[in-house]
Structures are given as structure tokens and as C-alpha cells.
Amino acid sequence: MTSSPADHALVTQGMLYNVSGSETVAFEVVQYFAQRGSRVTVATHGFNERWEQQFAALENTALFRADDPELAAVLDDSPPDLTWAHHPLIPE
């Protein structure tokens, strides 16, 4: 395993319903960090079961809707070292 540049990475994506460019890139970014040992938090406005299963298969990865209070708790407890924000979604 190659070492990761971040202990905790936050990746945001507007929505995860389709399988197209931005969704695929977001998944690949998450996969990159997860495979290198980072804890990865993914925030999105919404997702379907297909994407939920894809992210659940990655180690150290948690998928949240942006309005989930648990997301705020995770970010307060462990602020990310690195954020990749896409489709201007920045959790409060």
C-alpha cells in the first residue's frame, strides 16, 4: 500500500445518481485515498443504492447526505486534512 497524503479526506459531489463523468471521477478520487489508507468522508445531496454499494465496498469510506447531522459530527470530530469539493457542495 502506498502512503496517503491525508489522514482524513473529504470528497464532495453534487449528487450520485447517474454513472457519468463527475460521479466516476469522484469515485476514483475516493478510491485513490481509501486504497492508500486515508479515512474518506463523502458528502453529497443525494445518492442511489448502486452508488451506496460502490462506496460501501471501499475500506475506510463513509457516504453521507449533506443534510445528515452525522456528517457534521464526523467533520467536527475529525476535520479533514484534504478536501476535494465538486459541484460547490461545502458542508457546514
C-alpha atoms as a PDB file:
ATOM      1  CA  MET A   1       0.000   0.000   0.000  1.00  0.00           C
ATOM      2  CA  THR A   2       1.318   3.429  -0.953  1.00  0.00           C
ATOM      3  CA  SER A   3       1.130   6.033   1.802  1.00  0.00           C
ATOM      4  CA  SER A   4      -1.590   8.651   1.552  1.00  0.00           C
ATOM      5  CA  PRO A   5      -1.133  12.414   1.571  1.00  0.00           C
ATOM      6  CA  ALA A   6      -4.072  12.754   4.012  1.00  0.00           C
ATOM      7  CA  ASP A   7      -5.222  11.018   7.183  1.00  0.00           C
ATOM      8  CA  HIS A   8      -8.795  12.185   6.565  1.00  0.00           C
ATOM      9  CA  ALA A   9     -10.013  13.254   3.132  1.00  0.00           C
ATOM     10  CA  LEU A  10     -13.385  14.855   2.389  1.00  0.00           C
ATOM     11  CA  VAL A  11     -14.769  14.410  -1.122  1.00  0.00           C
ATOM     12  CA  THR A  12     -17.952  16.203  -2.160  1.00  0.00           C
ATOM     13  CA  GLN A  13     -20.142  15.568  -5.187  1.00  0.00           C
ATOM     14  CA  GLY A  14     -23.392  17.328  -6.063  1.00  0.00           C
ATOM     15  CA  MET A  15     -25.387  14.109  -6.497  1.00  0.00           C
ATOM     16  CA  LEU A  16     -24.676  10.445  -7.020  1.00  0.00           C
ATOM     17  CA  TYR A  17     -27.499   9.042  -9.141  1.00  0.00           C
ATOM     18  CA  ASN A  18     -26.024   8.634 -12.617  1.00  0.00           C
ATOM     19  CA  VAL A  19     -22.877   6.916 -13.777  1.00  0.00           C
ATOM     20  CA  SER A  20     -21.215   9.652 -15.781  1.00  0.00           C
ATOM     21  CA  GLY A  21     -18.162  11.888 -15.742  1.00  0.00           C
ATOM     22  CA  SER A  22     -18.222  13.722 -12.433  1.00  0.00           C
ATOM     23  CA  GLU A  23     -19.636  10.789 -10.474  1.00  0.00           C
ATOM     24  CA  THR A  24     -16.974   8.481 -11.856  1.00  0.00           C
ATOM     25  CA  VAL A  25     -14.186  10.953 -11.089  1.00  0.00           C
ATOM     26  CA  ALA A  26     -15.479  11.442  -7.537  1.00  0.00           C
ATOM     27  CA  PHE A  27     -15.490   7.674  -7.019  1.00  0.00           C
ATOM     28  CA  GLU A  28     -11.961   7.364  -8.403  1.00  0.00           C
ATOM     29  CA  VAL A  29     -10.713  10.135  -6.091  1.00  0.00           C
ATOM     30  CA  VAL A  30     -12.299   8.383  -3.092  1.00  0.00           C
ATOM     31  CA  GLN A  31     -10.869   5.053  -4.207  1.00  0.00           C
ATOM     32  CA  TYR A  32      -7.392   6.587  -4.560  1.00  0.00           C
ATOM     33  CA  PHE A  33      -7.337   7.868  -0.984  1.00  0.00           C
ATOM     34  CA  ALA A  34      -9.068   4.840   0.542  1.00  0.00           C
ATOM     35  CA  GLN A  35      -6.604   2.436  -1.071  1.00  0.00           C
ATOM     36  CA  ARG A  36      -3.743   4.419   0.458  1.00  0.00           C
ATOM     37  CA  GLY A  37      -5.137   4.195   3.969  1.00  0.00           C
ATOM     38  CA  SER A  38      -6.927   7.512   4.283  1.00  0.00           C
ATOM     39  CA  ARG A  39     -10.205   7.755   6.114  1.00  0.00           C
ATOM     40  CA  VAL A  40     -12.538   9.164   3.440  1.00  0.00           C
ATOM     41  CA  THR A  41     -15.787  11.010   4.040  1.00  0.00           C
ATOM     42  CA  VAL A  42     -18.047  11.515   1.030  1.00  0.00           C
ATOM     43  CA  ALA A  43     -20.758  14.204   1.116  1.00  0.00           C
ATOM     44  CA  THR A  44     -23.481  14.595  -1.500  1.00  0.00           C
ATOM     45  CA  HIS A  45     -27.015  15.972  -1.785  1.00  0.00           C
ATOM     46  CA  GLY A  46     -28.298  12.503  -2.644  1.00  0.00           C
ATOM     47  CA  PHE A  47     -27.330   9.047  -3.865  1.00  0.00           C
ATOM     48  CA  ASN A  48     -28.895   5.838  -5.065  1.00  0.00           C
ATOM     49  CA  GLU A  49     -28.401   2.268  -3.896  1.00  0.00           C
ATOM     50  CA  ARG A  50     -25.910   1.499  -6.661  1.00  0.00           C
ATOM     51  CA  TRP A  51     -23.528   4.237  -5.517  1.00  0.00           C
ATOM     52  CA  GLU A  52     -24.128   3.395  -1.869  1.00  0.00           C
ATOM     53  CA  GLN A  53     -22.955  -0.164  -2.562  1.00  0.00           C
ATOM     54  CA  GLN A  54     -19.923   1.022  -4.543  1.00  0.00           C
ATOM     55  CA  PHE A  55     -18.723   3.282  -1.726  1.00  0.00           C
ATOM     56  CA  ALA A  56     -19.554   0.712   0.964  1.00  0.00           C
ATOM     57  CA  ALA A  57     -17.179  -1.719  -0.749  1.00  0.00           C
ATOM     58  CA  LEU A  58     -14.249   0.646  -0.117  1.00  0.00           C
ATOM     59  CA  GLU A  59     -12.388   0.414   3.172  1.00  0.00           C
ATOM     60  CA  ASN A  60     -12.255   3.469   5.450  1.00  0.00           C
ATOM     61  CA  THR A  61     -15.047   5.197   3.497  1.00  0.00           C
ATOM     62  CA  ALA A  62     -18.302   6.721   4.730  1.00  0.00           C
ATOM     63  CA  LEU A  63     -21.004   8.155   2.459  1.00  0.00           C
ATOM     64  CA  PHE A  64     -23.356  10.847   3.797  1.00  0.00           C
ATOM     65  CA  ARG A  65     -26.109  13.096   2.517  1.00  0.00           C
ATOM     66  CA  ALA A  66     -25.097  16.712   3.051  1.00  0.00           C
ATOM     67  CA  ASP A  67     -28.009  17.307   5.430  1.00  0.00           C
ATOM     68  CA  ASP A  68     -27.207  14.289   7.635  1.00  0.00           C
ATOM     69  CA  PRO A  69     -26.408  15.517  11.183  1.00  0.00           C
ATOM     70  CA  GLU A  70     -23.916  12.656  11.499  1.00  0.00           C
ATOM     71  CA  LEU A  71     -21.827  14.249   8.730  1.00  0.00           C
ATOM     72  CA  ALA A  72     -21.448  17.432  10.786  1.00  0.00           C
ATOM     73  CA  ALA A  73     -20.443  15.365  13.819  1.00  0.00           C
ATOM     74  CA  VAL A  74     -17.826  13.450  11.813  1.00  0.00           C
ATOM     75  CA  LEU A  75     -16.321  16.654  10.419  1.00  0.00           C
ATOM     76  CA  ASP A  76     -16.341  18.363  13.834  1.00  0.00           C
ATOM     77  CA  ASP A  77     -14.715  15.358  15.468  1.00  0.00           C
ATOM     78  CA  SER A  78     -12.093  14.880  12.765  1.00  0.00           C
ATOM     79  CA  PRO A  79     -11.644  17.828  10.401  1.00  0.00           C
ATOM     80  CA  PRO A  80     -10.329  16.706   7.009  1.00  0.00           C
ATOM     81  CA  ASP A  81      -6.688  17.243   6.108  1.00  0.00           C
ATOM     82  CA  LEU A  82      -7.653  17.487   2.451  1.00  0.00           C
ATOM     83  CA  THR A  83     -10.893  18.397   0.674  1.00  0.00           C
ATOM     84  CA  TRP A  84     -11.826  17.735  -2.935  1.00  0.00           C
ATOM     85  CA  ALA A  85     -15.007  19.766  -3.491  1.00  0.00           C
ATOM     86  CA  HIS A  86     -17.023  19.309  -6.639  1.00  0.00           C
ATOM     87  CA  HIS A  87     -20.266  20.983  -7.707  1.00  0.00           C
ATOM     88  CA  PRO A  88     -19.931  23.656  -4.972  1.00  0.00           C
ATOM     89  CA  LEU A  89     -21.009  21.410  -2.113  1.00  0.00           C
ATOM     90  CA  ILE A  90     -19.236  22.503   1.045  1.00  0.00           C
ATOM     91  CA  PRO A  91     -20.683  21.016   4.250  1.00  0.00           C
ATOM     92  CA  GLU A  92     -21.239  23.411   7.128  1.00  0.00           C
END
